[in-house]
């Protein structure tokens, strides 16, 4: 199965990658995809472990949300782990539903 970004590019989905740099080093990255310029999706939010909890991801997220809105997005969606949920709620996201993931040893 091809990676999700490869599938998105084949389907001509508007994908944009954003990174926040500190002293010329990327410390936070976010992927934004747009569908029909009205629906935005945030993926691949990542911060270097040693810089987590300092507000860098929140700052970049606010910028990405501004860019999405400027592009015409009326709705924005993302998936989150329980540990990231508080950050997204502070940015105005609301829980739509919770996923349960199950595993079984073989």
PDB file of N, CA and C in Angstrom:
ATOM      1  N   UNK A   1       0.850  -1.180   0.000  1.00  0.00           N
ATOM      2  CA  UNK A   1       0.000   0.000   0.000  1.00  0.00           C
ATOM      3  C   UNK A   1       0.898   1.247   0.000  1.00  0.00           C
ATOM      4  N   UNK A   2       0.670   2.189  -0.924  1.00  0.00           N
ATOM      5  CA  UNK A   2       1.479   3.409  -0.972  1.00  0.00           C
ATOM      6  C   UNK A   2       1.248   4.274   0.265  1.00  0.00           C
ATOM      7  N   UNK A   3       2.245   5.080   0.643  1.00  0.00           N
ATOM      8  CA  UNK A   3       2.088   5.983   1.785  1.00  0.00           C
ATOM      9  C   UNK A   3       0.924   6.954   1.555  1.00  0.00           C
ATOM     10  N   UNK A   4       0.267   7.439   2.633  1.00  0.00           N
ATOM     11  CA  UNK A   4      -0.883   8.341   2.489  1.00  0.00           C
ATOM     12  C   UNK A   4      -0.588   9.581   1.648  1.00  0.00           C
ATOM     13  N   UNK A   5       0.603  10.156   1.805  1.00  0.00           N
ATOM     14  CA  UNK A   5       0.913  11.361   1.027  1.00  0.00           C
ATOM     15  C   UNK A   5       0.980  11.061  -0.461  1.00  0.00           C
ATOM     16  N   UNK A   6       1.499   9.891  -0.806  1.00  0.00           N
ATOM     17  CA  UNK A   6       1.565   9.503  -2.212  1.00  0.00           C
ATOM     18  C   UNK A   6       0.152   9.357  -2.781  1.00  0.00           C
ATOM     19  N   UNK A   7      -0.748   8.735  -2.015  1.00  0.00           N
ATOM     20  CA  UNK A   7      -2.148   8.618  -2.444  1.00  0.00           C
ATOM     21  C   UNK A   7      -2.786   9.997  -2.619  1.00  0.00           C
ATOM     22  N   UNK A   8      -2.511  10.895  -1.694  1.00  0.00           N
ATOM     23  CA  UNK A   8      -3.084  12.243  -1.775  1.00  0.00           C
ATOM     24  C   UNK A   8      -2.597  12.962  -3.021  1.00  0.00           C
ATOM     25  N   UNK A   9      -1.318  12.837  -3.315  1.00  0.00           N
ATOM     26  CA  UNK A   9      -0.779  13.501  -4.500  1.00  0.00           C
ATOM     27  C   UNK A   9      -1.384  12.934  -5.784  1.00  0.00           C
ATOM     28  N   UNK A  10      -1.575  11.628  -5.828  1.00  0.00           N
ATOM     29  CA  UNK A  10      -2.187  11.001  -7.002  1.00  0.00           C
ATOM     30  C   UNK A  10      -3.622  11.481  -7.196  1.00  0.00           C
ATOM     31  N   UNK A  11      -4.322  11.761  -6.101  1.00  0.00           N
ATOM     32  CA  UNK A  11      -5.706  12.226  -6.174  1.00  0.00           C
ATOM     33  C   UNK A  11      -5.790  13.750  -6.264  1.00  0.00           C
ATOM     34  N   UNK A  12      -4.632  14.407  -6.427  1.00  0.00           N
ATOM     35  CA  UNK A  12      -4.569  15.861  -6.594  1.00  0.00           C
ATOM     36  C   UNK A  12      -5.114  16.619  -5.377  1.00  0.00           C
ATOM     37  N   UNK A  13      -4.858  16.090  -4.196  1.00  0.00           N
ATOM     38  CA  UNK A  13      -5.265  16.763  -2.962  1.00  0.00           C
ATOM     39  C   UNK A  13      -4.229  17.828  -2.632  1.00  0.00           C
ATOM     40  N   UNK A  14      -4.695  18.972  -2.225  1.00  0.00           N
ATOM     41  CA  UNK A  14      -3.841  20.094  -1.875  1.00  0.00           C
ATOM     42  C   UNK A  14      -3.150  19.807  -0.544  1.00  0.00           C
ATOM     43  N   UNK A  15      -1.879  19.436  -0.606  1.00  0.00           N
ATOM     44  CA  UNK A  15      -1.078  19.120   0.581  1.00  0.00           C
ATOM     45  C   UNK A  15      -0.029  20.197   0.796  1.00  0.00           C
ATOM     46  N   UNK A  16       0.059  20.675   2.025  1.00  0.00           N
ATOM     47  CA  UNK A  16       1.094  21.656   2.356  1.00  0.00           C
ATOM     48  C   UNK A  16       1.772  21.239   3.647  1.00  0.00           C
ATOM     49  N   UNK A  17       3.069  21.393   3.691  1.00  0.00           N
ATOM     50  CA  UNK A  17       3.849  21.061   4.881  1.00  0.00           C
ATOM     51  C   UNK A  17       4.389  22.346   5.483  1.00  0.00           C
ATOM     52  N   UNK A  18       4.300  22.450   6.803  1.00  0.00           N
ATOM     53  CA  UNK A  18       4.783  23.630   7.522  1.00  0.00           C
ATOM     54  C   UNK A  18       5.784  23.167   8.575  1.00  0.00           C
ATOM     55  N   UNK A  19       6.844  23.934   8.745  1.00  0.00           N
ATOM     56  CA  UNK A  19       7.827  23.639   9.785  1.00  0.00           C
ATOM     57  C   UNK A  19       8.205  24.924  10.496  1.00  0.00           C
ATOM     58  N   UNK A  20       8.437  24.797  11.790  1.00  0.00           N
ATOM     59  CA  UNK A  20       8.912  25.906  12.614  1.00  0.00           C
ATOM     60  C   UNK A  20      10.373  25.625  12.932  1.00  0.00           C
ATOM     61  N   UNK A  21      11.206  26.621  12.700  1.00  0.00           N
ATOM     62  CA  UNK A  21      12.645  26.470  12.906  1.00  0.00           C
ATOM     63  C   UNK A  21      13.090  27.289  14.103  1.00  0.00           C
ATOM     64  N   UNK A  22      14.074  26.757  14.800  1.00  0.00           N
ATOM     65  CA  UNK A  22      14.738  27.488  15.884  1.00  0.00           C
ATOM     66  C   UNK A  22      16.230  27.338  15.641  1.00  0.00           C
ATOM     67  N   UNK A  23      16.912  28.436  15.504  1.00  0.00           N
ATOM     68  CA  UNK A  23      18.350  28.444  15.209  1.00  0.00           C
ATOM     69  C   UNK A  23      18.667  27.539  14.015  1.00  0.00           C
ATOM     70  N   UNK A  24      17.897  27.736  12.936  1.00  0.00           N
ATOM     71  CA  UNK A  24      18.078  27.045  11.663  1.00  0.00           C
ATOM     72  C   UNK A  24      17.847  25.533  11.735  1.00  0.00           C
ATOM     73  N   UNK A  25      17.172  25.077  12.782  1.00  0.00           N
ATOM     74  CA  UNK A  25      16.884  23.652  12.948  1.00  0.00           C
ATOM     75  C   UNK A  25      15.372  23.468  13.019  1.00  0.00           C
ATOM     76  N   UNK A  26      14.795  22.571  12.180  1.00  0.00           N
ATOM     77  CA  UNK A  26      13.343  22.342  12.255  1.00  0.00           C
ATOM     78  C   UNK A  26      13.002  21.663  13.578  1.00  0.00           C
ATOM     79  N   UNK A  27      12.037  22.252  14.304  1.00  0.00           N
ATOM     80  CA  UNK A  27      11.689  21.695  15.608  1.00  0.00           C
ATOM     81  C   UNK A  27      10.232  21.211  15.674  1.00  0.00           C
ATOM     82  N   UNK A  28       9.376  21.732  14.787  1.00  0.00           N
ATOM     83  CA  UNK A  28       7.978  21.323  14.729  1.00  0.00           C
ATOM     84  C   UNK A  28       7.567  21.234  13.261  1.00  0.00           C
ATOM     85  N   UNK A  29       6.778  20.223  12.925  1.00  0.00           N
ATOM     86  CA  UNK A  29       6.249  20.099  11.564  1.00  0.00           C
ATOM     87  C   UNK A  29       4.776  19.719  11.617  1.00  0.00           C
ATOM     88  N   UNK A  30       4.025  20.193  10.623  1.00  0.00           N
ATOM     89  CA  UNK A  30       2.592  19.914  10.495  1.00  0.00           C
ATOM     90  C   UNK A  30       2.272  19.782   9.015  1.00  0.00           C
ATOM     91  N   UNK A  31       1.381  18.851   8.686  1.00  0.00           N
ATOM     92  CA  UNK A  31       0.887  18.709   7.319  1.00  0.00           C
ATOM     93  C   UNK A  31      -0.568  19.165   7.286  1.00  0.00           C
ATOM     94  N   UNK A  32      -0.898  19.987   6.293  1.00  0.00           N
ATOM     95  CA  UNK A  32      -2.258  20.476   6.083  1.00  0.00           C
ATOM     96  C   UNK A  32      -2.726  19.993   4.717  1.00  0.00           C
ATOM     97  N   UNK A  33      -3.884  19.347   4.687  1.00  0.00           N
ATOM     98  CA  UNK A  33      -4.488  19.000   3.405  1.00  0.00           C
ATOM     99  C   UNK A  33      -5.830  19.698   3.311  1.00  0.00           C
ATOM    100  N   UNK A  34      -6.188  20.080   2.094  1.00  0.00           N
ATOM    101  CA  UNK A  34      -7.440  20.791   1.854  1.00  0.00           C
ATOM    102  C   UNK A  34      -8.265  19.996   0.858  1.00  0.00           C
ATOM    103  N   UNK A  35      -9.565  19.930   1.110  1.00  0.00           N
ATOM    104  CA  UNK A  35     -10.491  19.272   0.200  1.00  0.00           C
ATOM    105  C   UNK A  35     -11.522  20.303  -0.246  1.00  0.00           C
ATOM    106  N   UNK A  36     -11.625  20.510  -1.531  1.00  0.00           N
ATOM    107  CA  UNK A  36     -12.546  21.500  -2.106  1.00  0.00           C
ATOM    108  C   UNK A  36     -12.389  22.885  -1.482  1.00  0.00           C
ATOM    109  N   UNK A  37     -11.217  23.170  -0.952  1.00  0.00           N
ATOM    110  CA  UNK A  37     -10.917  24.463  -0.319  1.00  0.00           C
ATOM    111  C   UNK A  37     -11.895  24.863   0.784  1.00  0.00           C
ATOM    112  N   UNK A  38     -12.688  23.911   1.291  1.00  0.00           N
ATOM    113  CA  UNK A  38     -13.593  24.245   2.392  1.00  0.00           C
ATOM    114  C   UNK A  38     -13.366  23.360   3.608  1.00  0.00           C
ATOM    115  N   UNK A  39     -12.696  22.234   3.417  1.00  0.00           N
ATOM    116  CA  UNK A  39     -12.428  21.322   4.524  1.00  0.00           C
ATOM    117  C   UNK A  39     -10.921  21.122   4.646  1.00  0.00           C
ATOM    118  N   UNK A  40     -10.415  21.372   5.843  1.00  0.00           N
ATOM    119  CA  UNK A  40      -8.987  21.212   6.109  1.00  0.00           C
ATOM    120  C   UNK A  40      -8.780  20.028   7.040  1.00  0.00           C
ATOM    121  N   UNK A  41      -7.620  19.398   6.889  1.00  0.00           N
ATOM    122  CA  UNK A  41      -7.244  18.298   7.776  1.00  0.00           C
ATOM    123  C   UNK A  41      -5.799  18.500   8.196  1.00  0.00           C
ATOM    124  N   UNK A  42      -5.565  18.366   9.489  1.00  0.00           N
ATOM    125  CA  UNK A  42      -4.224  18.474  10.053  1.00  0.00           C
ATOM    126  C   UNK A  42      -3.707  17.066  10.317  1.00  0.00           C
ATOM    127  N   UNK A  43      -2.476  16.796   9.893  1.00  0.00           N
ATOM    128  CA  UNK A  43      -1.831  15.504  10.137  1.00  0.00           C
ATOM    129  C   UNK A  43      -0.369  15.726  10.491  1.00  0.00           C
ATOM    130  N   UNK A  44       0.225  14.667  10.983  1.00  0.00           N
ATOM    131  CA  UNK A  44       1.678  14.608  11.172  1.00  0.00           C
ATOM    132  C   UNK A  44       2.223  15.748  12.020  1.00  0.00           C
ATOM    133  N   UNK A  45       1.550  16.078  13.103  1.00  0.00           N
ATOM    134  CA  UNK A  45       2.054  17.106  14.024  1.00  0.00           C
ATOM    135  C   UNK A  45       3.157  16.462  14.846  1.00  0.00           C
ATOM    136  N   UNK A  46       4.332  17.042  14.788  1.00  0.00           N
ATOM    137  CA  UNK A  46       5.450  16.475  15.539  1.00  0.00           C
ATOM    138  C   UNK A  46       6.392  17.547  16.034  1.00  0.00           C
ATOM    139  N   UNK A  47       6.847  17.376  17.258  1.00  0.00           N
ATOM    140  CA  UNK A  47       7.799  18.293  17.887  1.00  0.00           C
ATOM    141  C   UNK A  47       8.969  17.471  18.410  1.00  0.00           C
ATOM    142  N   UNK A  48      10.168  17.997  18.282  1.00  0.00           N
ATOM    143  CA  UNK A  48      11.314  17.304  18.858  1.00  0.00           C
ATOM    144  C   UNK A  48      11.047  17.064  20.344  1.00  0.00           C
ATOM    145  N   UNK A  49      11.325  15.859  20.831  1.00  0.00           N
ATOM    146  CA  UNK A  49      10.992  15.522  22.224  1.00  0.00           C
ATOM    147  C   UNK A  49      11.524  16.505  23.261  1.00  0.00           C
ATOM    148  N   UNK A  50      12.745  16.965  23.074  1.00  0.00           N
ATOM    149  CA  UNK A  50      13.347  17.859  24.075  1.00  0.00           C
ATOM    150  C   UNK A  50      12.717  19.256  24.075  1.00  0.00           C
ATOM    151  N   UNK A  51      11.897  19.570  23.073  1.00  0.00           N
ATOM    152  CA  UNK A  51      11.260  20.892  23.002  1.00  0.00           C
ATOM    153  C   UNK A  51       9.741  20.831  23.157  1.00  0.00           C
ATOM    154  N   UNK A  52       9.224  19.670  23.499  1.00  0.00           N
ATOM    155  CA  UNK A  52       7.783  19.535  23.707  1.00  0.00           C
ATOM    156  C   UNK A  52       7.364  20.273  24.976  1.00  0.00           C
ATOM    157  N   UNK A  53       6.132  20.757  24.981  1.00  0.00           N
ATOM    158  CA  UNK A  53       5.593  21.436  26.156  1.00  0.00           C
ATOM    159  C   UNK A  53       5.997  22.884  26.295  1.00  0.00           C
ATOM    160  N   UNK A  54       6.609  23.446  25.265  1.00  0.00           N
ATOM    161  CA  UNK A  54       7.068  24.838  25.326  1.00  0.00           C
ATOM    162  C   UNK A  54       6.233  25.772  24.461  1.00  0.00           C
ATOM    163  N   UNK A  55       5.168  25.248  23.837  1.00  0.00           N
ATOM    164  CA  UNK A  55       4.269  26.082  23.051  1.00  0.00           C
ATOM    165  C   UNK A  55       4.629  26.222  21.586  1.00  0.00           C
ATOM    166  N   UNK A  56       5.676  25.565  21.135  1.00  0.00           N
ATOM    167  CA  UNK A  56       6.076  25.693  19.736  1.00  0.00           C
ATOM    168  C   UNK A  56       5.034  25.101  18.791  1.00  0.00           C
ATOM    169  N   UNK A  57       4.536  23.911  19.097  1.00  0.00           N
ATOM    170  CA  UNK A  57       3.528  23.280  18.230  1.00  0.00           C
ATOM    171  C   UNK A  57       2.244  24.106  18.208  1.00  0.00           C
ATOM    172  N   UNK A  58       1.858  24.648  19.348  1.00  0.00           N
ATOM    173  CA  UNK A  58       0.647  25.486  19.401  1.00  0.00           C
ATOM    174  C   UNK A  58       0.809  26.727  18.529  1.00  0.00           C
ATOM    175  N   UNK A  59       1.990  27.324  18.567  1.00  0.00           N
ATOM    176  CA  UNK A  59       2.240  28.520  17.749  1.00  0.00           C
ATOM    177  C   UNK A  59       2.142  28.179  16.261  1.00  0.00           C
ATOM    178  N   UNK A  60       2.767  27.075  15.859  1.00  0.00           N
ATOM    179  CA  UNK A  60       2.705  26.688  14.452  1.00  0.00           C
ATOM    180  C   UNK A  60       1.286  26.280  14.077  1.00  0.00           C
ATOM    181  N   UNK A  61       0.586  25.616  14.974  1.00  0.00           N
ATOM    182  CA  UNK A  61      -0.792  25.207  14.701  1.00  0.00           C
ATOM    183  C   UNK A  61      -1.675  26.435  14.461  1.00  0.00           C
ATOM    184  N   UNK A  62      -1.519  27.477  15.267  1.00  0.00           N
ATOM    185  CA  UNK A  62      -2.308  28.703  15.058  1.00  0.00           C
ATOM    186  C   UNK A  62      -2.034  29.283  13.669  1.00  0.00           C
ATOM    187  N   UNK A  63      -0.780  29.266  13.254  1.00  0.00           N
ATOM    188  CA  UNK A  63      -0.430  29.774  11.926  1.00  0.00           C
ATOM    189  C   UNK A  63      -1.054  28.912  10.827  1.00  0.00           C
ATOM    190  N   UNK A  64      -0.971  27.586  10.971  1.00  0.00           N
ATOM    191  CA  UNK A  64      -1.537  26.681   9.969  1.00  0.00           C
ATOM    192  C   UNK A  64      -3.055  26.861   9.889  1.00  0.00           C
ATOM    193  N   UNK A  65      -3.716  27.009  11.024  1.00  0.00           N
ATOM    194  CA  UNK A  65      -5.165  27.241  11.025  1.00  0.00           C
ATOM    195  C   UNK A  65      -5.507  28.564  10.346  1.00  0.00           C
ATOM    196  N   UNK A  66      -4.691  29.588  10.564  1.00  0.00           N
ATOM    197  CA  UNK A  66      -4.881  30.868   9.884  1.00  0.00           C
ATOM    198  C   UNK A  66      -4.752  30.691   8.373  1.00  0.00           C
ATOM    199  N   UNK A  67      -3.751  29.948   7.934  1.00  0.00           N
ATOM    200  CA  UNK A  67      -3.548  29.702   6.502  1.00  0.00           C
ATOM    201  C   UNK A  67      -4.719  28.916   5.908  1.00  0.00           C
ATOM    202  N   UNK A  68      -5.213  27.933   6.643  1.00  0.00           N
ATOM    203  CA  UNK A  68      -6.352  27.151   6.170  1.00  0.00           C
ATOM    204  C   UNK A  68      -7.581  28.039   6.008  1.00  0.00           C
ATOM    205  N   UNK A  69      -7.822  28.881   6.996  1.00  0.00           N
ATOM    206  CA  UNK A  69      -8.975  29.789   6.933  1.00  0.00           C
ATOM    207  C   UNK A  69      -8.821  30.773   5.777  1.00  0.00           C
ATOM    208  N   UNK A  70      -7.609  31.277   5.608  1.00  0.00           N
ATOM    209  CA  UNK A  70      -7.331  32.204   4.510  1.00  0.00           C
ATOM    210  C   UNK A  70      -7.567  31.546   3.149  1.00  0.00           C
ATOM    211  N   UNK A  71      -7.366  30.225   3.089  1.00  0.00           N
ATOM    212  CA  UNK A  71      -7.581  29.478   1.846  1.00  0.00           C
ATOM    213  C   UNK A  71      -9.044  29.112   1.642  1.00  0.00           C
ATOM    214  N   UNK A  72      -9.901  29.429   2.613  1.00  0.00           N
ATOM    215  CA  UNK A  72     -11.333  29.186   2.470  1.00  0.00           C
ATOM    216  C   UNK A  72     -11.897  28.075   3.328  1.00  0.00           C
ATOM    217  N   UNK A  73     -11.072  27.442   4.160  1.00  0.00           N
ATOM    218  CA  UNK A  73     -11.557  26.337   4.993  1.00  0.00           C
ATOM    219  C   UNK A  73     -12.612  26.818   5.978  1.00  0.00           C
ATOM    220  N   UNK A  74     -13.705  26.083   6.024  1.00  0.00           N
ATOM    221  CA  UNK A  74     -14.769  26.379   6.981  1.00  0.00           C
ATOM    222  C   UNK A  74     -14.759  25.386   8.127  1.00  0.00           C
ATOM    223  N   UNK A  75     -14.130  24.232   7.907  1.00  0.00           N
ATOM    224  CA  UNK A  75     -14.031  23.192   8.926  1.00  0.00           C
ATOM    225  C   UNK A  75     -12.611  22.635   8.904  1.00  0.00           C
ATOM    226  N   UNK A  76     -12.115  22.244  10.070  1.00  0.00           N
ATOM    227  CA  UNK A  76     -10.797  21.625  10.157  1.00  0.00           C
ATOM    228  C   UNK A  76     -10.894  20.420  11.085  1.00  0.00           C
ATOM    229  N   UNK A  77     -10.315  19.315  10.650  1.00  0.00           N
ATOM    230  CA  UNK A  77     -10.354  18.068  11.401  1.00  0.00           C
ATOM    231  C   UNK A  77      -8.943  17.569  11.658  1.00  0.00           C
ATOM    232  N   UNK A  78      -8.799  16.772  12.718  1.00  0.00           N
ATOM    233  CA  UNK A  78      -7.542  16.096  13.003  1.00  0.00           C
ATOM    234  C   UNK A  78      -7.827  14.904  13.889  1.00  0.00           C
ATOM    235  N   UNK A  79      -6.861  14.011  13.984  1.00  0.00           N
ATOM    236  CA  UNK A  79      -6.921  12.892  14.917  1.00  0.00           C
ATOM    237  C   UNK A  79      -5.876  13.153  15.981  1.00  0.00           C
ATOM    238  N   UNK A  80      -6.168  12.707  17.208  1.00  0.00           N
ATOM    239  CA  UNK A  80      -5.250  12.979  18.299  1.00  0.00           C
ATOM    240  C   UNK A  80      -5.166  11.799  19.251  1.00  0.00           C
ATOM    241  N   UNK A  81      -4.011  11.654  19.836  1.00  0.00           N
ATOM    242  CA  UNK A  81      -3.872  10.722  20.954  1.00  0.00           C
ATOM    243  C   UNK A  81      -4.467  11.401  22.187  1.00  0.00           C
ATOM    244  N   UNK A  82      -4.707  10.635  23.220  1.00  0.00           N
ATOM    245  CA  UNK A  82      -5.216  11.226  24.456  1.00  0.00           C
ATOM    246  C   UNK A  82      -4.247  12.265  25.009  1.00  0.00           C
ATOM    247  N   UNK A  83      -2.951  12.034  24.831  1.00  0.00           N
ATOM    248  CA  UNK A  83      -1.959  12.966  25.379  1.00  0.00           C
ATOM    249  C   UNK A  83      -1.957  14.315  24.658  1.00  0.00           C
ATOM    250  N   UNK A  84      -2.361  14.347  23.398  1.00  0.00           N
ATOM    251  CA  UNK A  84      -2.386  15.608  22.651  1.00  0.00           C
ATOM    252  C   UNK A  84      -3.716  16.322  22.685  1.00  0.00           C
ATOM    253  N   UNK A  85      -4.719  15.664  23.221  1.00  0.00           N
ATOM    254  CA  UNK A  85      -6.074  16.194  23.181  1.00  0.00           C
ATOM    255  C   UNK A  85      -6.206  17.567  23.837  1.00  0.00           C
ATOM    256  N   UNK A  86      -5.602  17.763  24.981  1.00  0.00           N
ATOM    257  CA  UNK A  86      -5.698  19.038  25.698  1.00  0.00           C
ATOM    258  C   UNK A  86      -5.187  20.205  24.882  1.00  0.00           C
ATOM    259  N   UNK A  87      -4.103  19.990  24.178  1.00  0.00           N
ATOM    260  CA  UNK A  87      -3.524  21.051  23.341  1.00  0.00           C
ATOM    261  C   UNK A  87      -4.516  21.468  22.262  1.00  0.00           C
ATOM    262  N   UNK A  88      -5.120  20.483  21.602  1.00  0.00           N
ATOM    263  CA  UNK A  88      -6.046  20.788  20.512  1.00  0.00           C
ATOM    264  C   UNK A  88      -7.330  21.431  21.032  1.00  0.00           C
ATOM    265  N   UNK A  89      -7.774  21.013  22.204  1.00  0.00           N
ATOM    266  CA  UNK A  89      -8.964  21.636  22.783  1.00  0.00           C
ATOM    267  C   UNK A  89      -8.698  23.101  23.121  1.00  0.00           C
ATOM    268  N   UNK A  90      -7.505  23.415  23.576  1.00  0.00           N
ATOM    269  CA  UNK A  90      -7.145  24.815  23.854  1.00  0.00           C
ATOM    270  C   UNK A  90      -7.150  25.652  22.582  1.00  0.00           C
ATOM    271  N   UNK A  91      -6.941  25.002  21.443  1.00  0.00           N
ATOM    272  CA  UNK A  91      -6.951  25.695  20.153  1.00  0.00           C
ATOM    273  C   UNK A  91      -8.348  25.739  19.535  1.00  0.00           C
ATOM    274  N   UNK A  92      -9.354  25.216  20.266  1.00  0.00           N
ATOM    275  CA  UNK A  92     -10.729  25.306  19.805  1.00  0.00           C
ATOM    276  C   UNK A  92     -11.305  24.049  19.185  1.00  0.00           C
ATOM    277  N   UNK A  93     -10.537  22.967  19.127  1.00  0.00           N
ATOM    278  CA  UNK A  93     -11.058  21.720  18.574  1.00  0.00           C
ATOM    279  C   UNK A  93     -11.976  21.044  19.584  1.00  0.00           C
ATOM    280  N   UNK A  94     -12.987  20.355  19.070  1.00  0.00           N
ATOM    281  CA  UNK A  94     -13.929  19.617  19.901  1.00  0.00           C
ATOM    282  C   UNK A  94     -13.888  18.144  19.525  1.00  0.00           C
ATOM    283  N   UNK A  95     -14.140  17.276  20.496  1.00  0.00           N
ATOM    284  CA  UNK A  95     -14.153  15.840  20.236  1.00  0.00           C
ATOM    285  C   UNK A  95     -15.412  15.481  19.454  1.00  0.00           C
ATOM    286  N   UNK A  96     -15.234  14.808  18.327  1.00  0.00           N
ATOM    287  CA  UNK A  96     -16.364  14.300  17.555  1.00  0.00           C
ATOM    288  C   UNK A  96     -16.681  12.863  17.959  1.00  0.00           C
ATOM    289  N   UNK A  97     -15.643  12.047  18.150  1.00  0.00           N
ATOM    290  CA  UNK A  97     -15.795  10.666  18.600  1.00  0.00           C
ATOM    291  C   UNK A  97     -14.430  10.165  19.039  1.00  0.00           C
ATOM    292  N   UNK A  98     -14.407   9.052  19.745  1.00  0.00           N
ATOM    293  CA  UNK A  98     -13.152   8.439  20.183  1.00  0.00           C
ATOM    294  C   UNK A  98     -12.985   7.094  19.486  1.00  0.00           C
ATOM    295  N   UNK A  99     -11.775   6.820  19.066  1.00  0.00           N
ATOM    296  CA  UNK A  99     -11.421   5.540  18.464  1.00  0.00           C
ATOM    297  C   UNK A  99     -10.818   4.633  19.515  1.00  0.00           C
ATOM    298  N   UNK A 100     -11.110   3.393  19.432  1.00  0.00           N
ATOM    299  CA  UNK A 100     -10.436   2.396  20.250  1.00  0.00           C
ATOM    300  C   UNK A 100      -9.630   1.515  19.316  1.00  0.00           C
ATOM    301  N   UNK A 101      -8.390   1.292  19.662  1.00  0.00           N
ATOM    302  CA  UNK A 101      -7.513   0.465  18.850  1.00  0.00           C
ATOM    303  C   UNK A 101      -7.158  -0.766  19.668  1.00  0.00           C
ATOM    304  N   UNK A 102      -7.292  -1.917  19.061  1.00  0.00           N
ATOM    305  CA  UNK A 102      -7.061  -3.176  19.765  1.00  0.00           C
ATOM    306  C   UNK A 102      -5.900  -3.920  19.145  1.00  0.00           C
ATOM    307  N   UNK A 103      -5.226  -4.682  19.980  1.00  0.00           N
ATOM    308  CA  UNK A 103      -4.108  -5.482  19.533  1.00  0.00           C
ATOM    309  C   UNK A 103      -4.228  -6.874  20.160  1.00  0.00           C
ATOM    310  N   UNK A 104      -3.649  -7.824  19.492  1.00  0.00           N
ATOM    311  CA  UNK A 104      -3.657  -9.192  20.009  1.00  0.00           C
ATOM    312  C   UNK A 104      -2.303  -9.799  19.732  1.00  0.00           C
ATOM    313  N   UNK A 105      -1.709 -10.398  20.729  1.00  0.00           N
ATOM    314  CA  UNK A 105      -0.432 -11.072  20.522  1.00  0.00           C
ATOM    315  C   UNK A 105      -0.671 -12.355  19.748  1.00  0.00           C
ATOM    316  N   UNK A 106       0.266 -12.694  18.928  1.00  0.00           N
ATOM    317  CA  UNK A 106       0.129 -13.925  18.135  1.00  0.00           C
ATOM    318  C   UNK A 106       0.865 -15.069  18.761  1.00  0.00           C
TER     319      UNK A 106
END
